[in-house]
């Protein structure tokens, strides 16, 4: 009985191709693992985003305090660079782009935040949370199903009032 030599040659060639493919894949895995380790973790990204939003909010508050539109936030932020956000720094940035600013008036206006304004903000925030929870609440599927079965706008309004979605 004779063995077929061509089959053995093909098997060796396939094995060599498999080995080079495996080496290539292992190299790719190592590269991807290095890249993954180099990326910042979720907490770092969240902290950076929070810092950026806090800085943007502070600049916007200063702009509004000076009586200028919050829409120029990006321009002023670019002018400030990494400098600390102060009334003087924002006033300087505004002055450098041609806006007239009185630093004394802006700082005194910001200190006069009244208690009703804070209370109103808290009420609006609470109302917003209630509306969101009502819209996403556990009974929202039930409400959706009931609304889908209605035939008149009055029925829809009644169901929405029951669910607390309308006043």
N, C-alpha and C. Protein backbone atom coordinates (compact mmCIF):
# COMPACT_ATOMS: atom_id res chain seq x y z
N UNK A 1 0.82 -1.16 0.00
CA UNK A 1 0.00 0.00 0.00
C UNK A 1 0.88 1.25 0.00
N UNK A 2 0.61 2.20 -0.87
CA UNK A 2 1.44 3.40 -0.98
C UNK A 2 0.64 4.60 -0.47
N UNK A 3 1.36 5.51 0.15
CA UNK A 3 0.70 6.73 0.61
C UNK A 3 0.78 7.80 -0.45
N UNK A 4 -0.18 8.62 -0.44
CA UNK A 4 -0.22 9.71 -1.40
C UNK A 4 0.63 10.86 -0.87
N UNK A 5 1.74 11.18 -1.52
CA UNK A 5 2.66 12.22 -1.07
C UNK A 5 2.09 13.62 -1.26
N UNK A 6 1.19 13.80 -2.21
CA UNK A 6 0.63 15.12 -2.44
C UNK A 6 -0.24 15.56 -1.26
N UNK A 7 -0.89 14.67 -0.62
CA UNK A 7 -1.73 15.00 0.53
C UNK A 7 -0.86 15.50 1.68
N UNK A 8 0.29 14.84 1.90
CA UNK A 8 1.19 15.27 2.95
C UNK A 8 1.76 16.66 2.66
N UNK A 9 2.07 16.96 1.43
CA UNK A 9 2.60 18.27 1.05
C UNK A 9 1.56 19.36 1.27
N UNK A 10 0.31 19.09 0.95
CA UNK A 10 -0.78 20.06 1.14
C UNK A 10 -0.99 20.30 2.62
N UNK A 11 -0.93 19.25 3.44
CA UNK A 11 -1.11 19.39 4.89
C UNK A 11 -0.02 20.27 5.49
N UNK A 12 1.21 20.12 5.07
CA UNK A 12 2.32 20.92 5.56
C UNK A 12 2.13 22.37 5.16
N UNK A 13 1.70 22.59 3.91
CA UNK A 13 1.49 23.95 3.43
C UNK A 13 0.35 24.61 4.21
N UNK A 14 -0.74 23.89 4.46
CA UNK A 14 -1.86 24.42 5.24
C UNK A 14 -1.43 24.76 6.65
N UNK A 15 -0.61 23.93 7.23
CA UNK A 15 -0.13 24.17 8.59
C UNK A 15 0.72 25.43 8.65
N UNK A 16 1.57 25.65 7.66
CA UNK A 16 2.39 26.86 7.61
C UNK A 16 1.51 28.10 7.49
N UNK A 17 0.46 28.04 6.65
CA UNK A 17 -0.46 29.16 6.49
C UNK A 17 -1.22 29.41 7.79
N UNK A 18 -1.64 28.33 8.45
CA UNK A 18 -2.36 28.47 9.71
C UNK A 18 -1.46 29.12 10.76
N UNK A 19 -0.20 28.70 10.83
CA UNK A 19 0.73 29.26 11.80
C UNK A 19 0.96 30.74 11.56
N UNK A 20 1.11 31.15 10.32
CA UNK A 20 1.32 32.57 10.03
C UNK A 20 0.06 33.38 10.33
N UNK A 21 -1.09 32.79 10.10
CA UNK A 21 -2.35 33.46 10.42
C UNK A 21 -2.49 33.63 11.93
N UNK A 22 -2.17 32.58 12.65
CA UNK A 22 -2.26 32.64 14.11
C UNK A 22 -1.29 33.67 14.66
N UNK A 23 -0.07 33.72 14.14
CA UNK A 23 0.91 34.72 14.58
C UNK A 23 0.39 36.13 14.30
N UNK A 24 -0.18 36.30 13.13
CA UNK A 24 -0.72 37.61 12.76
C UNK A 24 -1.86 38.01 13.70
N UNK A 25 -2.74 37.07 13.99
CA UNK A 25 -3.86 37.36 14.90
C UNK A 25 -3.38 37.66 16.31
N UNK A 26 -2.39 36.94 16.79
CA UNK A 26 -1.84 37.20 18.12
C UNK A 26 -1.19 38.58 18.18
N UNK A 27 -0.53 38.95 17.12
CA UNK A 27 0.06 40.28 17.05
C UNK A 27 -1.02 41.36 17.09
N UNK A 28 -2.10 41.13 16.35
CA UNK A 28 -3.22 42.07 16.35
C UNK A 28 -3.83 42.18 17.74
N UNK A 29 -3.97 41.05 18.44
CA UNK A 29 -4.53 41.05 19.79
C UNK A 29 -3.65 41.87 20.72
N UNK A 30 -2.34 41.69 20.65
CA UNK A 30 -1.43 42.45 21.50
C UNK A 30 -1.54 43.95 21.23
N UNK A 31 -1.62 44.31 19.95
CA UNK A 31 -1.74 45.72 19.59
C UNK A 31 -3.03 46.32 20.15
N UNK A 32 -4.12 45.57 20.02
CA UNK A 32 -5.41 46.06 20.52
C UNK A 32 -5.41 46.17 22.04
N UNK A 33 -4.75 45.22 22.73
CA UNK A 33 -4.67 45.29 24.18
C UNK A 33 -3.87 46.51 24.62
N UNK A 34 -2.79 46.82 23.92
CA UNK A 34 -2.00 48.01 24.23
C UNK A 34 -2.84 49.27 24.04
N UNK A 35 -3.59 49.30 22.94
CA UNK A 35 -4.43 50.46 22.65
C UNK A 35 -5.51 50.62 23.72
N UNK A 36 -6.08 49.51 24.15
CA UNK A 36 -7.13 49.54 25.18
C UNK A 36 -6.57 50.05 26.51
N UNK A 37 -5.36 49.63 26.87
CA UNK A 37 -4.74 50.08 28.11
C UNK A 37 -4.41 51.56 28.07
N UNK A 38 -4.14 52.07 26.89
CA UNK A 38 -3.78 53.48 26.74
C UNK A 38 -4.99 54.41 26.85
N UNK A 39 -6.18 53.87 26.66
CA UNK A 39 -7.39 54.70 26.73
C UNK A 39 -7.72 55.03 28.18
N UNK A 40 -8.29 56.23 28.41
CA UNK A 40 -8.69 56.58 29.77
C UNK A 40 -9.92 55.77 30.20
N UNK A 41 -10.04 55.55 31.49
CA UNK A 41 -11.18 54.78 31.97
C UNK A 41 -12.41 55.67 32.06
N UNK A 42 -13.53 55.04 32.34
CA UNK A 42 -14.82 55.72 32.35
C UNK A 42 -14.86 56.84 33.40
N UNK A 43 -14.30 56.58 34.59
CA UNK A 43 -14.34 57.58 35.66
C UNK A 43 -13.55 58.82 35.27
N UNK A 44 -12.42 58.63 34.62
CA UNK A 44 -11.60 59.76 34.18
C UNK A 44 -12.35 60.59 33.15
N UNK A 45 -12.98 59.92 32.20
CA UNK A 45 -13.76 60.64 31.19
C UNK A 45 -14.92 61.39 31.82
N UNK A 46 -15.60 60.76 32.78
CA UNK A 46 -16.73 61.40 33.45
C UNK A 46 -16.26 62.64 34.22
N UNK A 47 -15.13 62.52 34.91
CA UNK A 47 -14.60 63.66 35.66
C UNK A 47 -14.22 64.80 34.72
N UNK A 48 -13.58 64.49 33.61
CA UNK A 48 -13.21 65.52 32.64
C UNK A 48 -14.44 66.21 32.07
N UNK A 49 -15.46 65.43 31.75
CA UNK A 49 -16.69 66.01 31.21
C UNK A 49 -17.37 66.89 32.24
N UNK A 50 -17.40 66.44 33.49
CA UNK A 50 -18.02 67.23 34.55
C UNK A 50 -17.26 68.54 34.74
N UNK A 51 -15.94 68.49 34.73
CA UNK A 51 -15.13 69.71 34.86
C UNK A 51 -15.40 70.67 33.71
N UNK A 52 -15.49 70.13 32.50
CA UNK A 52 -15.74 70.98 31.33
C UNK A 52 -17.12 71.63 31.43
N UNK A 53 -18.13 70.87 31.83
CA UNK A 53 -19.48 71.42 31.95
C UNK A 53 -19.55 72.45 33.07
N UNK A 54 -18.85 72.21 34.16
CA UNK A 54 -18.83 73.17 35.26
C UNK A 54 -18.17 74.47 34.81
N UNK A 55 -17.08 74.35 34.07
CA UNK A 55 -16.39 75.53 33.55
C UNK A 55 -17.28 76.30 32.58
N UNK A 56 -17.94 75.58 31.67
CA UNK A 56 -18.85 76.22 30.72
C UNK A 56 -19.98 76.95 31.45
N UNK A 57 -20.51 76.32 32.49
CA UNK A 57 -21.59 76.92 33.26
C UNK A 57 -21.12 78.19 33.97
N UNK A 58 -19.91 78.16 34.51
CA UNK A 58 -19.37 79.33 35.19
C UNK A 58 -19.17 80.49 34.21
N UNK A 59 -18.66 80.19 33.04
CA UNK A 59 -18.47 81.23 32.02
C UNK A 59 -19.81 81.79 31.59
N UNK A 60 -20.76 80.91 31.38
CA UNK A 60 -22.11 81.34 30.95
C UNK A 60 -22.75 82.22 32.02
N UNK A 61 -22.58 81.86 33.27
CA UNK A 61 -23.12 82.67 34.36
C UNK A 61 -22.49 84.06 34.36
N UNK A 62 -21.19 84.13 34.14
CA UNK A 62 -20.51 85.42 34.07
C UNK A 62 -21.03 86.24 32.89
N UNK A 63 -21.21 85.58 31.75
CA UNK A 63 -21.71 86.30 30.57
C UNK A 63 -23.09 86.89 30.84
N UNK A 64 -23.95 86.09 31.41
CA UNK A 64 -25.30 86.56 31.71
C UNK A 64 -25.24 87.69 32.74
N UNK A 65 -24.35 87.56 33.71
CA UNK A 65 -24.17 88.60 34.72
C UNK A 65 -23.73 89.92 34.11
N UNK A 66 -22.95 89.86 33.06
CA UNK A 66 -22.52 91.07 32.36
C UNK A 66 -23.57 91.57 31.39
N UNK A 67 -24.64 90.82 31.21
CA UNK A 67 -25.71 91.24 30.31
C UNK A 67 -25.44 90.90 28.86
N UNK A 68 -24.61 89.91 28.61
CA UNK A 68 -24.28 89.51 27.25
C UNK A 68 -24.89 88.14 26.97
N UNK A 69 -25.12 87.83 25.70
CA UNK A 69 -25.77 86.55 25.37
C UNK A 69 -24.87 85.36 25.68
N UNK A 70 -25.49 84.29 26.16
CA UNK A 70 -24.74 83.07 26.46
C UNK A 70 -24.26 82.38 25.18
N UNK A 71 -24.77 82.80 24.05
CA UNK A 71 -24.39 82.21 22.77
C UNK A 71 -22.94 82.46 22.38
N UNK A 72 -22.30 83.40 23.04
CA UNK A 72 -20.90 83.67 22.72
C UNK A 72 -19.97 82.89 23.65
N UNK A 73 -20.50 81.88 24.31
CA UNK A 73 -19.74 81.05 25.24
C UNK A 73 -18.50 80.47 24.61
N UNK A 74 -18.63 79.87 23.43
CA UNK A 74 -17.47 79.23 22.79
C UNK A 74 -16.36 80.23 22.48
N UNK A 75 -16.75 81.42 22.05
CA UNK A 75 -15.77 82.45 21.73
C UNK A 75 -15.01 82.88 22.99
N UNK A 76 -15.77 83.14 24.05
CA UNK A 76 -15.15 83.58 25.30
C UNK A 76 -14.30 82.45 25.89
N UNK A 77 -14.79 81.23 25.81
CA UNK A 77 -14.03 80.10 26.33
C UNK A 77 -12.71 79.96 25.58
N UNK A 78 -12.74 80.18 24.28
CA UNK A 78 -11.51 80.14 23.50
C UNK A 78 -10.55 81.25 23.88
N UNK A 79 -11.08 82.41 24.20
CA UNK A 79 -10.25 83.54 24.60
C UNK A 79 -9.61 83.29 25.98
N UNK A 80 -10.34 82.61 26.86
CA UNK A 80 -9.83 82.36 28.21
C UNK A 80 -8.76 81.27 28.23
N UNK A 81 -8.89 80.32 27.34
CA UNK A 81 -7.95 79.20 27.35
C UNK A 81 -8.10 78.40 28.63
N UNK A 82 -6.99 78.16 29.32
CA UNK A 82 -7.02 77.40 30.57
C UNK A 82 -7.04 78.29 31.79
N UNK A 83 -7.20 79.59 31.61
CA UNK A 83 -7.20 80.52 32.73
C UNK A 83 -8.41 80.26 33.63
N UNK A 84 -8.26 80.65 34.89
CA UNK A 84 -9.35 80.49 35.85
C UNK A 84 -10.52 81.39 35.44
N UNK A 85 -11.73 80.90 35.66
CA UNK A 85 -12.92 81.65 35.29
C UNK A 85 -13.25 82.61 36.43
N UNK A 86 -12.96 83.88 36.19
CA UNK A 86 -13.30 84.94 37.14
C UNK A 86 -14.01 86.04 36.37
N UNK A 87 -14.64 86.94 37.12
CA UNK A 87 -15.33 88.05 36.47
C UNK A 87 -14.35 88.90 35.66
N UNK A 88 -13.17 89.09 36.22
CA UNK A 88 -12.16 89.90 35.53
C UNK A 88 -11.69 89.22 34.25
N UNK A 89 -11.48 87.92 34.31
CA UNK A 89 -11.01 87.19 33.13
C UNK A 89 -12.06 87.22 32.02
N UNK A 90 -13.32 86.99 32.39
CA UNK A 90 -14.40 87.02 31.39
C UNK A 90 -14.56 88.43 30.84
N UNK A 91 -14.46 89.44 31.73
CA UNK A 91 -14.56 90.83 31.27
C UNK A 91 -13.44 91.15 30.29
N UNK A 92 -12.24 90.68 30.58
CA UNK A 92 -11.11 90.90 29.68
C UNK A 92 -11.33 90.25 28.33
N UNK A 93 -11.87 89.02 28.35
CA UNK A 93 -12.14 88.32 27.09
C UNK A 93 -13.21 89.05 26.30
N UNK A 94 -14.25 89.52 26.98
CA UNK A 94 -15.31 90.27 26.30
C UNK A 94 -14.76 91.58 25.73
N UNK A 95 -13.94 92.25 26.49
CA UNK A 95 -13.36 93.52 26.02
C UNK A 95 -12.47 93.29 24.81
N UNK A 96 -11.76 92.16 24.79
CA UNK A 96 -10.85 91.90 23.67
C UNK A 96 -11.60 91.61 22.37
N UNK A 97 -12.87 91.22 22.47
CA UNK A 97 -13.64 91.01 21.24
C UNK A 97 -14.61 92.15 20.96
N UNK A 98 -14.47 93.26 21.73
CA UNK A 98 -15.21 94.47 21.40
C UNK A 98 -16.44 94.75 22.24
N UNK A 99 -16.71 94.00 23.27
CA UNK A 99 -17.86 94.27 24.13
C UNK A 99 -17.45 95.19 25.27
N UNK A 100 -18.37 96.08 25.65
CA UNK A 100 -18.12 96.97 26.78
C UNK A 100 -18.61 96.26 28.04
N UNK A 101 -17.77 96.29 29.07
CA UNK A 101 -18.08 95.56 30.29
C UNK A 101 -17.72 96.40 31.50
N UNK A 102 -18.60 96.41 32.50
CA UNK A 102 -18.31 97.05 33.78
C UNK A 102 -18.26 95.95 34.82
N UNK A 103 -17.08 95.63 35.30
CA UNK A 103 -16.87 94.50 36.20
C UNK A 103 -17.60 94.70 37.52
N UNK A 104 -17.66 95.91 38.05
CA UNK A 104 -18.30 96.15 39.34
C UNK A 104 -19.78 95.84 39.30
N UNK A 105 -20.47 96.25 38.24
CA UNK A 105 -21.90 95.98 38.12
C UNK A 105 -22.18 94.49 38.01
N UNK A 106 -21.40 93.78 37.26
CA UNK A 106 -21.63 92.36 37.04
C UNK A 106 -21.44 91.56 38.32
N UNK A 107 -20.42 91.90 39.11
CA UNK A 107 -20.19 91.13 40.33
C UNK A 107 -21.25 91.44 41.37
N UNK A 108 -21.75 92.67 41.42
CA UNK A 108 -22.80 92.98 42.39
C UNK A 108 -24.12 92.33 41.98
N UNK A 109 -24.38 92.23 40.68
CA UNK A 109 -25.60 91.56 40.22
C UNK A 109 -25.59 90.09 40.58
N UNK A 110 -24.46 89.46 40.47
CA UNK A 110 -24.38 88.03 40.74
C UNK A 110 -24.57 87.73 42.21
N UNK A 111 -24.16 88.64 43.08
CA UNK A 111 -24.30 88.41 44.50
C UNK A 111 -25.73 88.60 44.97
N UNK A 112 -26.58 89.23 44.17
CA UNK A 112 -27.95 89.51 44.55
C UNK A 112 -28.92 88.43 44.10
N UNK A 113 -28.50 87.18 44.07
CA UNK A 113 -29.40 86.09 43.72
C UNK A 113 -30.37 85.93 44.87
N UNK A 114 -31.63 86.10 44.58
CA UNK A 114 -32.63 86.09 45.65
C UNK A 114 -33.12 84.67 45.92
N UNK A 115 -33.65 84.50 47.10
CA UNK A 115 -34.16 83.19 47.52
C UNK A 115 -35.30 82.70 46.63
N UNK A 116 -36.23 83.57 46.19
CA UNK A 116 -37.29 83.07 45.31
C UNK A 116 -36.77 82.49 43.99
N UNK A 117 -35.67 83.05 43.45
CA UNK A 117 -35.12 82.52 42.21
C UNK A 117 -34.60 81.11 42.43
N UNK A 118 -33.95 80.88 43.55
CA UNK A 118 -33.45 79.55 43.87
C UNK A 118 -34.62 78.59 44.08
N UNK A 119 -35.65 79.06 44.79
CA UNK A 119 -36.83 78.23 45.04
C UNK A 119 -37.54 77.90 43.74
N UNK A 120 -37.66 78.88 42.85
CA UNK A 120 -38.31 78.63 41.56
C UNK A 120 -37.53 77.60 40.76
N UNK A 121 -36.22 77.68 40.79
CA UNK A 121 -35.40 76.70 40.08
C UNK A 121 -35.63 75.31 40.65
N UNK A 122 -35.72 75.21 41.97
CA UNK A 122 -35.96 73.91 42.61
C UNK A 122 -37.33 73.37 42.21
N UNK A 123 -38.32 74.24 42.14
CA UNK A 123 -39.67 73.81 41.75
C UNK A 123 -39.68 73.31 40.30
N UNK A 124 -39.02 74.04 39.43
CA UNK A 124 -38.97 73.64 38.02
C UNK A 124 -38.24 72.31 37.88
N UNK A 125 -37.16 72.13 38.61
CA UNK A 125 -36.42 70.88 38.57
C UNK A 125 -37.26 69.72 39.07
N UNK A 126 -37.99 69.94 40.17
CA UNK A 126 -38.86 68.89 40.72
C UNK A 126 -39.98 68.54 39.75
N UNK A 127 -40.57 69.57 39.14
CA UNK A 127 -41.63 69.32 38.17
C UNK A 127 -41.11 68.55 36.97
N UNK A 128 -39.93 68.91 36.51
CA UNK A 128 -39.32 68.20 35.38
C UNK A 128 -39.10 66.73 35.72
N UNK A 129 -38.62 66.46 36.93
CA UNK A 129 -38.40 65.08 37.35
C UNK A 129 -39.71 64.31 37.41
N UNK A 130 -40.77 64.96 37.89
CA UNK A 130 -42.07 64.30 37.96
C UNK A 130 -42.60 63.97 36.57
N UNK A 131 -42.45 64.90 35.65
CA UNK A 131 -42.93 64.67 34.29
C UNK A 131 -42.15 63.53 33.65
N UNK A 132 -40.84 63.53 33.83
CA UNK A 132 -40.02 62.46 33.25
C UNK A 132 -40.37 61.11 33.85
N UNK A 133 -40.57 61.06 35.16
CA UNK A 133 -40.89 59.77 35.77
C UNK A 133 -42.28 59.32 35.36
N UNK A 134 -43.20 60.26 35.18
CA UNK A 134 -44.54 59.88 34.73
C UNK A 134 -44.50 59.35 33.30
N UNK A 135 -43.66 59.97 32.49
CA UNK A 135 -43.57 59.54 31.10
C UNK A 135 -42.86 58.20 30.97
N UNK A 136 -41.93 57.91 31.88
CA UNK A 136 -41.16 56.68 31.80
C UNK A 136 -41.57 55.68 32.86
N UNK A 137 -42.59 55.98 33.62
CA UNK A 137 -42.98 55.15 34.75
C UNK A 137 -43.38 53.75 34.36
N UNK A 138 -43.60 52.93 35.42
CA UNK A 138 -43.91 51.53 35.18
C UNK A 138 -45.27 51.36 34.51
N UNK A 139 -46.17 52.35 34.65
CA UNK A 139 -47.48 52.24 34.03
C UNK A 139 -47.52 52.84 32.63
N UNK A 140 -46.39 53.27 32.11
CA UNK A 140 -46.40 53.93 30.80
C UNK A 140 -46.86 52.97 29.71
N UNK A 141 -46.53 51.69 29.81
CA UNK A 141 -47.00 50.73 28.80
C UNK A 141 -48.51 50.60 28.87
N UNK A 142 -49.02 50.57 30.10
CA UNK A 142 -50.46 50.47 30.29
C UNK A 142 -51.15 51.70 29.70
N UNK A 143 -50.60 52.87 29.96
CA UNK A 143 -51.16 54.11 29.43
C UNK A 143 -51.11 54.11 27.90
N UNK A 144 -49.98 53.68 27.36
CA UNK A 144 -49.84 53.62 25.91
C UNK A 144 -50.87 52.68 25.30
N UNK A 145 -51.08 51.55 25.94
CA UNK A 145 -52.05 50.59 25.43
C UNK A 145 -53.45 51.16 25.49
N UNK A 146 -53.76 51.84 26.59
CA UNK A 146 -55.10 52.44 26.71
C UNK A 146 -55.31 53.53 25.68
N UNK A 147 -54.28 54.34 25.46
CA UNK A 147 -54.39 55.41 24.47
C UNK A 147 -54.56 54.82 23.07
N UNK A 148 -53.87 53.73 22.80
CA UNK A 148 -53.97 53.10 21.48
C UNK A 148 -55.38 52.59 21.21
N UNK A 149 -56.12 52.28 22.26
CA UNK A 149 -57.47 51.75 22.09
C UNK A 149 -58.55 52.83 22.05
N UNK A 150 -58.17 54.08 22.27
CA UNK A 150 -59.17 55.15 22.30
C UNK A 150 -59.65 55.47 20.89
N UNK A 151 -60.82 56.10 20.87
CA UNK A 151 -61.41 56.46 19.58
C UNK A 151 -61.60 57.96 19.44
N UNK A 152 -61.57 58.71 20.54
CA UNK A 152 -61.78 60.15 20.46
C UNK A 152 -60.67 60.89 21.20
N UNK A 153 -60.45 62.13 20.82
CA UNK A 153 -59.45 62.93 21.53
C UNK A 153 -59.80 63.14 23.01
N UNK A 154 -61.08 63.18 23.34
CA UNK A 154 -61.49 63.36 24.73
C UNK A 154 -61.03 62.18 25.58
N UNK A 155 -61.12 60.98 25.05
CA UNK A 155 -60.67 59.80 25.78
C UNK A 155 -59.16 59.86 26.02
N UNK A 156 -58.41 60.31 25.02
CA UNK A 156 -56.97 60.44 25.16
C UNK A 156 -56.64 61.43 26.28
N UNK A 157 -57.34 62.57 26.27
CA UNK A 157 -57.11 63.59 27.29
C UNK A 157 -57.44 63.05 28.68
N UNK A 158 -58.54 62.32 28.80
CA UNK A 158 -58.93 61.76 30.10
C UNK A 158 -57.88 60.76 30.61
N UNK A 159 -57.39 59.92 29.74
CA UNK A 159 -56.37 58.94 30.14
C UNK A 159 -55.08 59.63 30.55
N UNK A 160 -54.70 60.66 29.81
CA UNK A 160 -53.47 61.37 30.14
C UNK A 160 -53.61 62.12 31.48
N UNK A 161 -54.81 62.67 31.78
CA UNK A 161 -55.02 63.32 33.06
C UNK A 161 -54.95 62.30 34.19
N UNK A 162 -55.52 61.12 33.97
CA UNK A 162 -55.47 60.06 34.99
C UNK A 162 -54.03 59.68 35.31
N UNK A 163 -53.22 59.61 34.27
CA UNK A 163 -51.82 59.19 34.43
C UNK A 163 -50.94 60.32 34.97
N UNK A 164 -51.50 61.52 35.08
CA UNK A 164 -50.71 62.63 35.58
C UNK A 164 -49.87 63.30 34.54
N UNK A 165 -50.15 63.03 33.27
CA UNK A 165 -49.36 63.62 32.19
C UNK A 165 -49.89 64.98 31.77
N UNK A 166 -51.12 65.30 32.18
CA UNK A 166 -51.73 66.60 31.90
C UNK A 166 -52.26 67.18 33.19
N UNK A 167 -52.28 68.50 33.27
CA UNK A 167 -52.80 69.15 34.48
C UNK A 167 -54.28 69.37 34.36
